[in-house]
């Protein structure tokens, strides 16, 4: 272990439990080829995706966050009554008002603890993670549950192969609490570039352009994206934020044991790894099976890594993401 890894954490708050949930229904590339002008090869070579999990029409989206939260609590050996803060990261809420967090809080039986939605594109989970850790460190909460959950399958145009092949549904969660010792958050770099807000958006449905017959007929409620612009921006954003967070932590990139990137596109992940010169074996990738689950992608990948027994105490993890807004960032922590 290098001398730098002995540094006192910036925020001495530890992840004590992880959990995730994926809907049972699986949609393969061959399934998509039944009603789209596409193929398994076309999708795989451009995105790295083979399958994605999709909510059935009768399923309530909040169920995913509730299930993921319950699994994180079980792993952390805590009950809902032990949690006094819930932050839920999502792009499209359960309802415009009151959002998603109260639905998940009710389903988990959290009682009267604080809860709120966090919207920062696909980077929302990292924003919520940093916010929860800071609140715990400041004495504003004892234990926090941070959940990323997304059901974008309900907001993509299933006739647009440029977008609908990319996304899957799912949720991931982490339980956080103050702990003495070396574990904790070592570096945080949260960023935003509002000049790129048009790269990924759902134009209608808000107060700027309320829902109407005209907006529905014009397809303004579907997710729209500028693929080439997103690719160029995403790689640079995540690379810059990762270097900044590592510098704040007093670490070199070589000292990072695991990189858990937002699972947006395999090409983006490969380009990021190449730019940062990080060995591929240190990078967690599950996009082939679950596609882009947006705010849920990092906590799902992290949960899979933890449950596979691959994360050891003292190891350094870099969580990095970019998303709509454009919001992006990296959180580096010691396990």
Protein backbone atom coordinates (compact mmCIF):
# COMPACT_ATOMS: atom_id res chain seq x y z
CA UNK A 1 0.00 0.00 0.00
CA UNK A 2 1.41 3.37 -1.03
CA UNK A 3 1.82 6.23 1.49
CA UNK A 4 -0.94 8.19 -0.28
CA UNK A 5 -3.52 5.51 0.53
CA UNK A 6 -3.01 6.21 4.23
CA UNK A 7 -4.40 9.73 3.91
CA UNK A 8 -7.33 10.67 6.10
CA UNK A 9 -10.59 10.52 4.10
CA UNK A 10 -12.02 13.82 2.94
CA UNK A 11 -15.40 12.59 4.19
CA UNK A 12 -15.21 9.64 6.65
CA UNK A 13 -18.46 8.06 5.54
CA UNK A 14 -18.50 4.41 4.48
CA UNK A 15 -20.75 2.41 2.18
CA UNK A 16 -21.99 -0.42 4.39
CA UNK A 17 -24.48 -2.03 2.04
CA UNK A 18 -25.28 -2.26 -1.66
CA UNK A 19 -28.30 -3.53 -3.56
CA UNK A 20 -29.77 -3.58 -7.04
CA UNK A 21 -32.86 -4.67 -8.93
CA UNK A 22 -33.54 -5.46 -12.58
CA UNK A 23 -37.01 -6.20 -14.00
CA UNK A 24 -37.66 -9.80 -15.02
CA UNK A 25 -38.56 -8.99 -18.63
CA UNK A 26 -35.53 -9.14 -20.93
CA UNK A 27 -35.51 -7.55 -24.39
CA UNK A 28 -32.80 -8.84 -26.72
CA UNK A 29 -31.37 -7.21 -29.82
CA UNK A 30 -33.08 -9.89 -31.90
CA UNK A 31 -36.38 -8.92 -30.26
CA UNK A 32 -35.84 -5.32 -31.35
CA UNK A 33 -35.04 -6.45 -34.89
CA UNK A 34 -38.58 -7.82 -35.11
CA UNK A 35 -40.04 -4.30 -35.34
CA UNK A 36 -37.03 -2.07 -36.07
CA UNK A 37 -34.71 -1.80 -39.03
CA UNK A 38 -31.75 -3.07 -37.03
CA UNK A 39 -29.88 -6.23 -36.09
CA UNK A 40 -27.98 -7.75 -33.21
CA UNK A 41 -24.70 -7.02 -34.99
CA UNK A 42 -25.62 -3.39 -35.71
CA UNK A 43 -26.45 -2.72 -32.06
CA UNK A 44 -23.52 -4.67 -30.57
CA UNK A 45 -20.86 -3.08 -32.75
CA UNK A 46 -22.09 0.44 -32.01
CA UNK A 47 -23.00 0.14 -28.34
CA UNK A 48 -21.74 -3.13 -26.84
CA UNK A 49 -25.32 -3.97 -25.77
CA UNK A 50 -26.92 -7.40 -26.24
CA UNK A 51 -29.86 -7.32 -23.83
CA UNK A 52 -31.72 -4.93 -21.54
CA UNK A 53 -34.30 -5.35 -18.76
CA UNK A 54 -37.63 -3.62 -19.31
CA UNK A 55 -40.53 -2.90 -16.94
CA UNK A 56 -43.78 -4.57 -17.91
CA UNK A 57 -46.74 -2.20 -18.44
CA UNK A 58 -48.39 -3.24 -15.18
CA UNK A 59 -45.27 -2.79 -13.03
CA UNK A 60 -44.95 0.28 -10.81
CA UNK A 61 -41.52 1.91 -11.33
CA UNK A 62 -40.99 2.68 -7.62
CA UNK A 63 -40.87 -1.07 -7.00
CA UNK A 64 -37.34 -1.14 -8.44
CA UNK A 65 -36.00 1.44 -6.00
CA UNK A 66 -37.79 -0.22 -3.09
CA UNK A 67 -36.29 -3.63 -3.93
CA UNK A 68 -32.78 -2.22 -4.38
CA UNK A 69 -33.06 -0.30 -1.12
CA UNK A 70 -34.23 -3.35 0.79
CA UNK A 71 -31.28 -5.37 -0.48
CA UNK A 72 -28.81 -2.65 0.52
CA UNK A 73 -30.33 -2.49 3.99
CA UNK A 74 -30.18 -6.28 4.34
CA UNK A 75 -26.53 -6.37 3.36
CA UNK A 76 -25.77 -3.57 5.79
CA UNK A 77 -27.76 -5.33 8.54
CA UNK A 78 -29.97 -2.31 9.08
CA UNK A 79 -33.71 -1.81 9.18
CA UNK A 80 -35.66 1.05 7.55
CA UNK A 81 -35.99 2.64 10.99
CA UNK A 82 -32.19 3.07 11.07
CA UNK A 83 -32.28 5.38 8.03
CA UNK A 84 -32.99 9.06 8.47
CA UNK A 85 -32.13 10.30 4.96
CA UNK A 86 -33.20 9.02 1.55
CA UNK A 87 -31.93 10.61 -1.66
CA UNK A 88 -33.26 9.28 -4.95
CA UNK A 89 -31.54 10.10 -8.23
CA UNK A 90 -33.70 9.83 -11.34
CA UNK A 91 -34.29 11.68 -14.59
CA UNK A 92 -38.01 11.12 -14.93
CA UNK A 93 -39.92 10.98 -11.61
CA UNK A 94 -42.75 8.64 -10.67
CA UNK A 95 -45.03 11.68 -10.87
CA UNK A 96 -44.20 15.34 -11.64
CA UNK A 97 -45.48 16.06 -8.13
CA UNK A 98 -44.51 14.69 -5.59
CA UNK A 99 -41.69 12.92 -7.48
CA UNK A 100 -40.17 9.51 -6.75
CA UNK A 101 -38.56 9.71 -3.29
CA UNK A 102 -41.81 9.78 -1.27
CA UNK A 103 -43.11 6.70 -3.13
CA UNK A 104 -39.92 4.77 -2.30
CA UNK A 105 -39.85 6.07 1.28
CA UNK A 106 -43.42 4.85 1.76
CA UNK A 107 -42.66 1.49 0.20
CA UNK A 108 -39.60 1.00 2.39
CA UNK A 109 -41.39 2.11 5.54
CA UNK A 110 -38.81 4.78 6.35
CA UNK A 111 -41.12 6.63 8.66
CA UNK A 112 -40.57 10.38 8.96
CA UNK A 113 -36.95 10.59 7.85
CA UNK A 114 -35.93 13.19 5.27
CA UNK A 115 -36.26 12.31 1.59
CA UNK A 116 -35.76 14.11 -1.70
CA UNK A 117 -35.28 13.60 -5.42
CA UNK A 118 -31.98 14.60 -7.05
CA UNK A 119 -31.92 15.46 -10.75
CA UNK A 120 -28.52 15.74 -12.42
CA UNK A 121 -28.86 13.57 -15.50
CA UNK A 122 -27.08 10.22 -15.46
CA UNK A 123 -24.62 11.75 -12.98
CA UNK A 124 -27.43 12.17 -10.46
CA UNK A 125 -26.36 9.18 -8.36
CA UNK A 126 -22.90 10.71 -7.82
CA UNK A 127 -24.41 14.06 -6.87
CA UNK A 128 -26.74 12.31 -4.40
CA UNK A 129 -23.86 10.22 -3.03
CA UNK A 130 -21.75 13.30 -2.34
CA UNK A 131 -24.69 15.18 -0.83
CA UNK A 132 -25.61 12.31 1.50
CA UNK A 133 -22.01 11.82 2.64
CA UNK A 134 -21.64 15.53 3.35
CA UNK A 135 -24.87 15.64 5.35
CA UNK A 136 -23.80 12.66 7.44
CA UNK A 137 -20.37 14.19 8.04
CA UNK A 138 -22.03 17.48 9.06
CA UNK A 139 -24.20 15.70 11.61
CA UNK A 140 -27.42 16.32 9.69
CA UNK A 141 -28.09 12.58 9.28
CA UNK A 142 -26.83 9.35 10.81
CA UNK A 143 -27.48 6.92 7.99
CA UNK A 144 -28.50 7.55 4.41
CA UNK A 145 -29.89 5.42 1.64
CA UNK A 146 -28.92 6.65 -1.83
CA UNK A 147 -30.83 5.17 -4.74
CA UNK A 148 -30.50 5.55 -8.48
CA UNK A 149 -33.59 4.35 -10.35
CA UNK A 150 -34.72 4.73 -13.93
CA UNK A 151 -37.51 3.54 -16.22
CA UNK A 152 -36.54 5.32 -19.43
CA UNK A 153 -38.10 2.53 -21.50
CA UNK A 154 -41.33 4.44 -20.95
CA UNK A 155 -39.90 7.62 -22.47
CA UNK A 156 -38.07 6.39 -25.55
CA UNK A 157 -39.53 6.33 -29.03
CA UNK A 158 -39.63 2.63 -29.88
CA UNK A 159 -39.54 3.52 -33.57
CA UNK A 160 -36.26 5.42 -33.23
CA UNK A 161 -33.39 2.93 -33.35
CA UNK A 162 -30.87 5.64 -32.46
CA UNK A 163 -32.26 5.87 -28.92
CA UNK A 164 -34.53 2.96 -28.01
CA UNK A 165 -31.78 0.31 -28.38
CA UNK A 166 -29.63 2.06 -25.76
CA UNK A 167 -31.69 2.04 -22.59
CA UNK A 168 -32.77 -0.45 -19.96
CA UNK A 169 -34.63 -0.15 -16.67
CA UNK A 170 -33.29 -0.85 -13.19
CA UNK A 171 -32.30 0.49 -9.79
CA UNK A 172 -29.27 0.42 -7.54
CA UNK A 173 -28.76 1.52 -3.95
CA UNK A 174 -26.10 2.08 -1.31
CA UNK A 175 -26.38 2.45 2.44
CA UNK A 176 -23.99 4.99 3.95
CA UNK A 177 -23.00 5.81 7.52
CA UNK A 178 -20.20 7.45 9.45
CA UNK A 179 -17.34 5.08 10.30
CA UNK A 180 -14.00 5.59 11.97
CA UNK A 181 -10.97 4.33 10.10
CA UNK A 182 -9.46 4.65 6.65
CA UNK A 183 -12.63 4.02 4.63
CA UNK A 184 -14.49 6.97 3.17
CA UNK A 185 -14.64 9.43 0.31
CA UNK A 186 -11.20 10.65 -0.72
CA UNK A 187 -11.98 13.00 -3.58
CA UNK A 188 -14.99 14.58 -5.29
CA UNK A 189 -15.21 16.48 -8.56
CA UNK A 190 -18.73 17.47 -9.59
CA UNK A 191 -19.04 19.56 -12.72
CA UNK A 192 -21.55 20.98 -15.19
CA UNK A 193 -21.54 22.55 -18.65
CA UNK A 194 -24.90 24.15 -19.36
CA UNK A 195 -23.85 25.08 -22.90
CA UNK A 196 -24.40 21.39 -23.73
CA UNK A 197 -27.90 21.11 -22.26
CA UNK A 198 -29.34 20.28 -25.67
CA UNK A 199 -27.38 17.07 -26.12
CA UNK A 200 -29.91 14.96 -24.21
CA UNK A 201 -33.42 16.06 -23.34
CA UNK A 202 -37.14 15.42 -23.11
CA UNK A 203 -38.47 18.73 -24.38
CA UNK A 204 -42.12 18.66 -23.27
CA UNK A 205 -43.93 17.84 -20.06
CA UNK A 206 -42.46 20.56 -17.86
CA UNK A 207 -43.61 24.10 -17.15
CA UNK A 208 -41.70 25.45 -20.16
CA UNK A 209 -43.70 23.30 -22.57
CA UNK A 210 -46.65 21.67 -20.74
CA UNK A 211 -48.26 18.55 -22.14
CA UNK A 212 -50.86 19.18 -24.82
CA UNK A 213 -52.34 17.42 -27.81
CA UNK A 214 -49.82 19.24 -29.99
CA UNK A 215 -46.76 18.19 -27.93
CA UNK A 216 -47.90 14.57 -27.89
CA UNK A 217 -48.55 14.48 -31.63
CA UNK A 218 -45.16 16.08 -32.29
CA UNK A 219 -43.38 13.45 -30.20
CA UNK A 220 -41.98 16.05 -27.81
CA UNK A 221 -42.30 13.71 -24.81
CA UNK A 222 -39.76 11.22 -26.09
CA UNK A 223 -36.10 11.22 -25.09
CA UNK A 224 -33.94 12.87 -27.74
CA UNK A 225 -30.16 12.85 -28.00
CA UNK A 226 -27.32 14.04 -30.18
CA UNK A 227 -25.15 10.94 -30.27
CA UNK A 228 -21.91 12.27 -31.75
CA UNK A 229 -21.89 15.35 -29.52
CA UNK A 230 -22.55 13.22 -26.46
CA UNK A 231 -19.69 10.86 -27.26
CA UNK A 232 -17.15 13.66 -27.65
CA UNK A 233 -18.30 15.48 -24.53
CA UNK A 234 -18.67 12.41 -22.32
CA UNK A 235 -15.14 11.08 -22.69
CA UNK A 236 -13.52 14.43 -21.98
CA UNK A 237 -15.86 15.20 -19.09
CA UNK A 238 -15.30 11.94 -17.23
CA UNK A 239 -11.55 12.02 -17.84
CA UNK A 240 -11.22 15.59 -16.53
CA UNK A 241 -13.35 14.90 -13.46
CA UNK A 242 -11.46 11.70 -12.65
CA UNK A 243 -8.10 13.44 -12.81
CA UNK A 244 -9.42 16.27 -10.62
CA UNK A 245 -10.89 13.94 -7.98
CA UNK A 246 -7.68 11.87 -7.90
CA UNK A 247 -5.61 15.02 -7.46
CA UNK A 248 -7.81 16.13 -4.58
CA UNK A 249 -7.36 12.71 -2.99
CA UNK A 250 -3.59 12.84 -3.40
CA UNK A 251 -3.65 9.76 -5.62
CA UNK A 252 -2.27 8.86 -9.00
CA UNK A 253 -4.54 7.13 -11.49
CA UNK A 254 -2.32 4.05 -11.20
CA UNK A 255 -3.34 3.71 -7.53
CA UNK A 256 -7.01 3.26 -8.42
CA UNK A 257 -8.05 -0.38 -8.04
CA UNK A 258 -11.49 -0.21 -9.67
CA UNK A 259 -13.15 2.21 -12.06
CA UNK A 260 -16.95 2.02 -12.12
CA UNK A 261 -18.08 4.20 -15.03
CA UNK A 262 -21.57 5.14 -16.15
CA UNK A 263 -22.64 2.42 -18.58
CA UNK A 264 -23.73 4.63 -21.48
CA UNK A 265 -21.95 3.03 -24.41
CA UNK A 266 -19.08 0.55 -24.60
CA UNK A 267 -17.22 2.78 -27.05
CA UNK A 268 -17.34 5.66 -24.58
CA UNK A 269 -16.00 3.45 -21.79
CA UNK A 270 -13.20 2.13 -24.03
CA UNK A 271 -12.23 5.66 -25.10
CA UNK A 272 -12.20 6.81 -21.46
CA UNK A 273 -9.99 3.92 -20.39
CA UNK A 274 -7.59 4.65 -23.24
CA UNK A 275 -7.39 8.35 -22.40
CA UNK A 276 -6.75 7.70 -18.70
CA UNK A 277 -4.39 4.79 -19.48
CA UNK A 278 -6.16 2.53 -17.01
CA UNK A 279 -5.88 -1.25 -17.54
CA UNK A 280 -9.12 -2.75 -18.84
CA UNK A 281 -9.14 -5.35 -16.07
CA UNK A 282 -9.69 -2.56 -13.54
CA UNK A 283 -12.84 -1.30 -15.29
CA UNK A 284 -16.29 -2.61 -14.38
CA UNK A 285 -18.50 -3.18 -17.45
CA UNK A 286 -21.96 -4.74 -17.49
CA UNK A 287 -23.57 -2.78 -20.34
CA UNK A 288 -23.74 -5.92 -22.47
CA UNK A 289 -26.43 -7.36 -20.16
CA UNK A 290 -28.26 -4.33 -18.77
CA UNK A 291 -27.73 -1.52 -21.34
CA UNK A 292 -27.78 2.11 -20.21
CA UNK A 293 -29.79 2.34 -16.99
CA UNK A 294 -28.89 6.02 -16.52
CA UNK A 295 -28.79 7.04 -12.83
CA UNK A 296 -28.96 3.37 -11.84
CA UNK A 297 -25.97 2.23 -13.87
CA UNK A 298 -23.20 2.94 -11.35
CA UNK A 299 -24.95 1.53 -8.24
CA UNK A 300 -26.02 -1.59 -10.19
CA UNK A 301 -22.46 -2.19 -11.42
CA UNK A 302 -21.08 -1.48 -7.94
CA UNK A 303 -23.50 -3.92 -6.33
CA UNK A 304 -22.55 -6.65 -8.78
CA UNK A 305 -18.86 -6.02 -8.10
CA UNK A 306 -19.36 -6.17 -4.33
CA UNK A 307 -21.55 -9.27 -4.39
CA UNK A 308 -19.03 -11.04 -6.60
CA UNK A 309 -16.52 -10.61 -3.76
CA UNK A 310 -14.12 -8.59 -5.89
CA UNK A 311 -13.88 -5.49 -3.67
CA UNK A 312 -11.47 -5.76 -0.75
CA UNK A 313 -11.15 -3.42 2.26
CA UNK A 314 -8.67 -0.64 1.54
CA UNK A 315 -9.13 -0.71 -2.23
CA UNK A 316 -9.64 2.55 -4.13
CA UNK A 317 -12.72 2.94 -6.33
CA UNK A 318 -13.42 5.71 -8.84
CA UNK A 319 -17.09 6.21 -9.76
CA UNK A 320 -17.52 8.46 -12.78
CA UNK A 321 -20.49 9.58 -14.87
CA UNK A 322 -21.86 12.18 -17.26
CA UNK A 323 -25.41 12.98 -18.23
CA UNK A 324 -28.04 15.47 -19.32
CA UNK A 325 -27.52 19.04 -18.42
CA UNK A 326 -24.63 18.46 -18.97
CA UNK A 327 -23.79 17.28 -15.44
CA UNK A 328 -20.78 15.08 -14.82
CA UNK A 329 -18.35 14.12 -12.10
CA UNK A 330 -16.24 11.56 -10.28
CA UNK A 331 -16.26 10.34 -6.68
CA UNK A 332 -13.20 8.46 -5.42
CA UNK A 333 -13.53 6.40 -2.28
CA UNK A 334 -11.61 3.91 -0.20
CA UNK A 335 -13.56 0.74 0.57
